[in-house]
Protein backbone atom coordinates (compact mmCIF):
# COMPACT_ATOMS: atom_id res chain seq x y z
CA UNK A 1 -5.42 -16.24 -13.26
CA UNK A 2 -8.51 -18.55 -12.81
CA UNK A 3 -11.32 -17.28 -10.23
CA UNK A 4 -10.34 -20.61 -8.17
CA UNK A 5 -6.83 -19.60 -8.20
CA UNK A 6 -7.38 -16.07 -7.11
CA UNK A 7 -9.23 -17.44 -4.11
CA UNK A 8 -6.69 -19.66 -3.13
CA UNK A 9 -4.18 -17.20 -3.84
CA UNK A 10 -5.95 -14.64 -0.99
CA UNK A 11 -6.30 -17.44 1.58
CA UNK A 12 -2.50 -17.91 1.64
CA UNK A 13 -1.84 -14.07 1.52
CA UNK A 14 -4.38 -14.05 4.18
CA UNK A 15 -2.63 -16.44 6.32
CA UNK A 16 1.05 -15.49 5.55
CA UNK A 17 -0.24 -11.63 6.76
CA UNK A 18 -1.56 -13.13 10.06
CA UNK A 19 1.64 -14.92 10.80
CA UNK A 20 3.86 -12.08 10.24
CA UNK A 21 1.36 -9.85 12.35
CA UNK A 22 1.43 -12.46 15.26
CA UNK A 23 5.36 -12.44 15.09
CA UNK A 24 5.42 -8.32 14.99
CA UNK A 25 2.47 -8.30 17.91
CA UNK A 26 4.70 -10.54 20.08
CA UNK A 27 7.48 -8.62 19.75
CA UNK A 28 5.79 -5.13 20.15
CA UNK A 29 7.65 -4.38 23.48
CA UNK A 30 10.88 -6.42 22.66
CA UNK A 31 13.92 -4.74 22.38
CA UNK A 32 14.49 -3.76 18.35
CA UNK A 33 17.47 -4.96 16.48
CA UNK A 34 18.04 -2.29 13.57
CA UNK A 35 19.98 -3.27 10.75
CA UNK A 36 20.27 0.53 9.18
CA UNK A 37 19.22 3.87 9.77
CA UNK A 38 18.69 6.27 7.16
CA UNK A 39 18.45 9.92 7.73
CA UNK A 40 14.55 9.85 7.98
CA UNK A 41 14.06 6.17 8.44
CA UNK A 42 15.02 2.57 10.18
CA UNK A 43 15.26 -0.53 8.91
CA UNK A 44 15.21 -3.42 11.61
CA UNK A 45 15.67 -7.02 11.91
CA UNK A 46 12.14 -7.86 12.44
CA UNK A 47 11.50 -6.59 8.74
CA UNK A 48 13.57 -9.39 7.61
CA UNK A 49 12.30 -11.60 9.87
CA UNK A 50 8.70 -10.74 8.85
CA UNK A 51 9.54 -10.81 4.99
CA UNK A 52 11.22 -14.54 5.19
CA UNK A 53 8.38 -15.76 6.83
CA UNK A 54 5.98 -14.50 4.18
CA UNK A 55 8.14 -15.69 1.55
CA UNK A 56 8.57 -19.41 3.17
CA UNK A 57 4.45 -19.46 3.56
CA UNK A 58 3.87 -18.27 -0.19
CA UNK A 59 6.64 -20.31 -1.91
CA UNK A 60 5.25 -23.41 -0.24
CA UNK A 61 1.79 -22.48 -1.79
CA UNK A 62 2.73 -20.67 -5.10
CA UNK A 63 6.44 -21.90 -5.75
CA UNK A 64 6.05 -20.31 -9.31
CA UNK A 65 5.16 -17.12 -8.38
CA UNK A 66 8.10 -14.66 -7.83
CA UNK A 67 7.95 -11.98 -4.60
CA UNK A 68 9.17 -8.64 -4.93
CA UNK A 69 9.44 -7.16 -1.17
CA UNK A 70 11.02 -4.22 0.36
CA UNK A 71 13.39 -6.28 1.79
CA UNK A 72 14.06 -8.12 -1.19
CA UNK A 73 13.20 -10.54 -3.90
CA UNK A 74 12.59 -13.93 -4.95
CA UNK A 75 12.86 -15.12 -8.41
CA UNK A 76 12.12 -12.64 -11.21
CA UNK A 77 10.53 -9.50 -10.10
CA UNK A 78 9.56 -8.91 -13.75
CA UNK A 79 7.70 -12.47 -13.66
CA UNK A 80 4.37 -12.76 -15.42
CA UNK A 81 2.90 -13.27 -11.64
CA UNK A 82 4.25 -11.67 -8.34
CA UNK A 83 3.73 -11.07 -5.27
CA UNK A 84 4.37 -7.47 -3.78
CA UNK A 85 5.27 -7.38 -0.15
CA UNK A 86 6.06 -5.03 2.68
CA UNK A 87 6.24 -6.86 5.82
CA UNK A 88 6.06 -3.74 8.28
CA UNK A 89 4.25 -0.73 6.88
CA UNK A 90 5.06 1.64 9.72
CA UNK A 91 8.72 0.34 10.61
CA UNK A 92 9.40 3.60 12.54
CA UNK A 93 6.15 3.83 14.13
CA UNK A 94 7.02 0.09 15.31
CA UNK A 95 10.39 1.11 16.46
CA UNK A 96 8.95 4.02 18.78
CA UNK A 97 6.08 1.58 20.09
CA UNK A 98 3.47 3.27 17.82
CA UNK A 99 0.79 0.75 17.17
CA UNK A 100 -0.07 2.04 13.69
CA UNK A 101 1.49 -0.67 11.77
CA UNK A 102 0.29 -3.24 8.99
CA UNK A 103 1.57 -6.18 6.70
CA UNK A 104 0.82 -5.52 3.21
CA UNK A 105 0.63 -8.05 0.51
CA UNK A 106 -0.50 -8.05 -2.88
CA UNK A 107 -0.68 -10.48 -6.23
CA UNK A 108 0.28 -8.55 -9.38
CA UNK A 109 -0.34 -10.10 -12.99
CA UNK A 110 1.69 -8.98 -16.18
CA UNK A 111 -1.02 -7.42 -18.65
CA UNK A 112 -1.35 -8.85 -22.15
CA UNK A 113 0.56 -6.46 -24.54
CA UNK A 114 -2.71 -5.62 -26.67
CA UNK A 115 -4.57 -4.37 -22.83
CA UNK A 116 -5.90 -1.06 -23.29
CA UNK A 117 -3.98 0.24 -20.65
CA UNK A 118 -0.54 -0.20 -22.67
CA UNK A 119 -1.86 1.36 -25.59
CA UNK A 120 0.99 3.16 -27.30
CA UNK A 121 3.53 1.15 -25.07
CA UNK A 122 2.96 4.16 -22.87
CA UNK A 123 2.71 1.66 -19.48
CA UNK A 124 5.93 -0.10 -20.56
CA UNK A 125 7.76 2.85 -20.66
CA UNK A 126 6.48 4.11 -17.21
CA UNK A 127 6.60 0.51 -15.63
CA UNK A 128 3.12 0.25 -15.48
CA UNK A 129 2.32 -3.22 -16.96
CA UNK A 130 0.95 -4.97 -14.55
CA UNK A 131 -2.47 -4.47 -12.78
CA UNK A 132 -2.95 -6.19 -9.23
CA UNK A 133 -5.65 -9.09 -8.85
CA UNK A 134 -5.42 -9.56 -5.06
CA UNK A 135 -4.75 -7.08 -1.89
CA UNK A 136 -4.64 -7.97 1.63
CA UNK A 137 -3.80 -5.41 4.49
CA UNK A 138 -3.58 -6.49 8.18
CA UNK A 139 -3.02 -4.59 11.49
CA UNK A 140 -1.96 -6.84 14.07
CA UNK A 141 -2.91 -4.22 17.02
CA UNK A 142 -5.80 -3.75 16.02
CA UNK A 143 -6.65 -7.32 14.47
CA UNK A 144 -8.50 -5.61 11.49
CA UNK A 145 -8.01 -7.23 8.18
CA UNK A 146 -8.80 -6.00 4.78
CA UNK A 147 -9.18 -8.19 1.46
CA UNK A 148 -9.91 -7.10 -1.85
CA UNK A 149 -10.08 -9.52 -5.14
CA UNK A 150 -10.09 -7.47 -8.40
CA UNK A 151 -13.65 -6.82 -9.41
CA UNK A 152 -15.45 -7.72 -6.27
CA UNK A 153 -16.28 -5.52 -3.36
CA UNK A 154 -13.63 -5.19 -0.79
CA UNK A 155 -13.70 -6.49 2.95
CA UNK A 156 -12.99 -5.45 6.62
CA UNK A 157 -12.87 -8.22 8.62
CA UNK A 158 -15.49 -10.09 6.58
CA UNK A 159 -17.75 -7.08 6.02
CA UNK A 160 -18.20 -5.48 2.90
CA UNK A 161 -17.02 -1.78 2.58
CA UNK A 162 -17.07 1.12 0.70
CA UNK A 163 -15.43 4.89 0.39
CA UNK A 164 -17.12 7.81 1.67
CA UNK A 165 -19.27 10.02 -0.33
CA UNK A 166 -18.17 13.48 1.22
CA UNK A 167 -17.65 16.03 -1.47
CA UNK A 168 -17.05 19.06 0.66
CA UNK A 169 -13.79 19.71 1.37
CA UNK A 170 -14.35 21.32 4.66
CA UNK A 171 -15.95 17.99 5.66
CA UNK A 172 -13.33 15.92 4.64
CA UNK A 173 -10.32 14.02 6.58
CA UNK A 174 -7.14 14.06 4.39
CA UNK A 175 -4.03 11.81 5.01
CA UNK A 176 -0.68 13.36 3.83
CA UNK A 177 2.11 11.45 4.03
CA UNK A 178 6.14 13.06 3.44
CA UNK A 179 9.00 11.59 2.31
CA UNK A 180 11.66 13.80 3.33
CA UNK A 181 13.71 14.46 0.16
CA UNK A 182 14.52 18.06 -0.99
CA UNK A 183 12.68 17.74 -3.66
CA UNK A 184 9.48 16.50 -2.12
CA UNK A 185 9.70 18.94 0.75
CA UNK A 186 9.93 21.55 -2.00
CA UNK A 187 6.63 20.42 -3.72
CA UNK A 188 4.87 19.23 -0.62
CA UNK A 189 4.89 21.93 2.13
CA UNK A 190 3.40 24.94 0.35
CA UNK A 191 0.78 22.73 -0.69
CA UNK A 192 0.51 21.44 3.06
CA UNK A 193 0.16 24.86 4.20
CA UNK A 194 -2.82 25.72 1.76
CA UNK A 195 -4.66 22.41 2.11
CA UNK A 196 -4.74 22.78 6.14
CA UNK A 197 -7.08 25.71 6.01
CA UNK A 198 -9.48 23.61 3.39
CA UNK A 199 -10.34 20.78 4.91
CA UNK A 200 -11.85 19.75 8.44
CA UNK A 201 -8.63 17.72 9.61
CA UNK A 202 -5.26 16.42 8.32
CA UNK A 203 -3.92 13.16 9.25
CA UNK A 204 -0.03 11.98 9.10
CA UNK A 205 0.01 8.36 10.07
CA UNK A 206 2.91 7.05 8.92
CA UNK A 207 1.61 3.80 6.83
CA UNK A 208 0.73 4.19 3.82
CA UNK A 209 -1.11 0.91 3.47
CA UNK A 210 -3.11 1.57 6.43
CA UNK A 211 -4.23 5.31 4.71
CA UNK A 212 -5.39 3.38 1.75
CA UNK A 213 -7.11 0.99 3.81
CA UNK A 214 -8.83 3.86 5.98
CA UNK A 215 -9.90 5.49 2.59
CA UNK A 216 -11.68 2.32 1.38
CA UNK A 217 -13.89 1.82 4.71
CA UNK A 218 -14.61 5.51 4.78
CA UNK A 219 -12.44 6.42 7.68
CA UNK A 220 -10.25 9.17 5.76
CA UNK A 221 -11.54 10.56 2.39
CA UNK A 222 -8.15 10.94 0.38
CA UNK A 223 -4.19 10.39 1.07
CA UNK A 224 -1.61 12.46 -0.66
CA UNK A 225 2.01 11.37 -1.13
CA UNK A 226 4.92 12.76 -2.95
CA UNK A 227 6.77 9.91 -2.91
CA UNK A 228 5.82 6.08 -2.10
CA UNK A 229 7.35 2.50 -3.31
CA UNK A 230 5.10 0.02 -4.85
CA UNK A 231 5.18 -2.20 -1.78
CA UNK A 232 3.55 0.44 0.43
CA UNK A 233 0.46 0.91 -1.86
CA UNK A 234 -0.16 -2.19 -4.26
CA UNK A 235 -2.85 -4.10 -1.92
CA UNK A 236 -4.20 -0.90 -0.56
CA UNK A 237 -4.67 0.74 -4.02
CA UNK A 238 -6.77 -2.14 -4.80
CA UNK A 239 -8.68 -1.82 -1.75
CA UNK A 240 -9.61 1.89 -2.79
CA UNK A 241 -10.69 0.99 -6.26
CA UNK A 242 -12.85 -1.93 -5.59
CA UNK A 243 -14.66 0.37 -2.80
CA UNK A 244 -15.24 2.86 -5.46
CA UNK A 245 -12.54 5.01 -4.73
CA UNK A 246 -9.82 6.44 -7.15
CA UNK A 247 -6.28 5.67 -7.17
CA UNK A 248 -4.29 8.14 -9.18
CA UNK A 249 -0.32 7.95 -9.52
CA UNK A 250 2.70 8.51 -11.80
CA UNK A 251 6.24 7.27 -11.50
CA UNK A 252 8.90 9.27 -9.93
CA UNK A 253 11.75 9.58 -12.99
CA UNK A 254 14.90 7.81 -11.71
CA UNK A 255 13.44 5.93 -8.77
CA UNK A 256 12.47 2.46 -9.19
CA UNK A 257 8.91 1.41 -7.89
CA UNK A 258 8.60 4.72 -6.74
CA UNK A 259 5.57 7.01 -7.25
CA UNK A 260 3.71 10.38 -6.52
CA UNK A 261 -0.21 9.49 -5.78
CA UNK A 262 -3.57 10.85 -4.42
CA UNK A 263 -6.04 8.09 -3.42
CA UNK A 264 -9.73 9.53 -2.66
CA UNK A 265 -13.39 8.59 -2.23
CA UNK A 266 -13.37 9.15 -6.30
CA UNK A 267 -14.75 12.91 -5.81
CA UNK A 268 -12.08 15.36 -4.70
CA UNK A 269 -9.09 14.68 -6.78
CA UNK A 270 -9.75 18.15 -8.71
CA UNK A 271 -11.07 20.02 -5.51
CA UNK A 272 -7.54 18.66 -3.79
CA UNK A 273 -5.72 20.40 -6.47
CA UNK A 274 -2.40 18.19 -5.70
CA UNK A 275 0.87 19.78 -6.92
CA UNK A 276 2.22 16.11 -8.25
């Protein structure tokens, strides 16, 4: 994708994220219509409404680009170009009236077959044959907009941002996420008990995209999660990398678009010793 096309795509993603964010904000105190309740998660009608709004806006500008979203897909999810959308990252927070929620939109491009990342076909086997070109994360309650284009410094409300430079664990603030599968709890709870004594503070906030955005601007130093989906992290991961940090991840076998991940300022992964 040409640089001029990337700029146009970023503008469209920002407009879509702001439109969905406005809808979220307007319905902050309205009754929430629940479509589905899992044991540890909630799906709202508002999730669907926000994704449909984003789809309409993006498809109007870029009708040939597919959309892979938490609430479904438009076109072919394995197309050469695809938007990756989480219309409300932090749905449980939103349902309970906690204003820690965001809209996450990324644009991904399929890598060329001879790309170094795909050497030995490992990338194809792991489903890693895409790279993110554009990332947008918008928090409608704080009116904070994070944007990134691959290869350029990311910005928060137009101002260039960087990750923190903290190296000592005892000075760090680390976010930890828990998907509540038995396997993930077995993996993460003992690690959590060890980690809490080694860092300054641990935070469990309920929005992966915002957790990554906070690393990109230096609020958090690291974020560890035993189970996230692609739409949770696609935009935020680019923010972290463009801000000088590291986003390490690996697919979870048998689950579509699911990953274990460690994001940090680029100075801490070895010291964190995550069990992933």
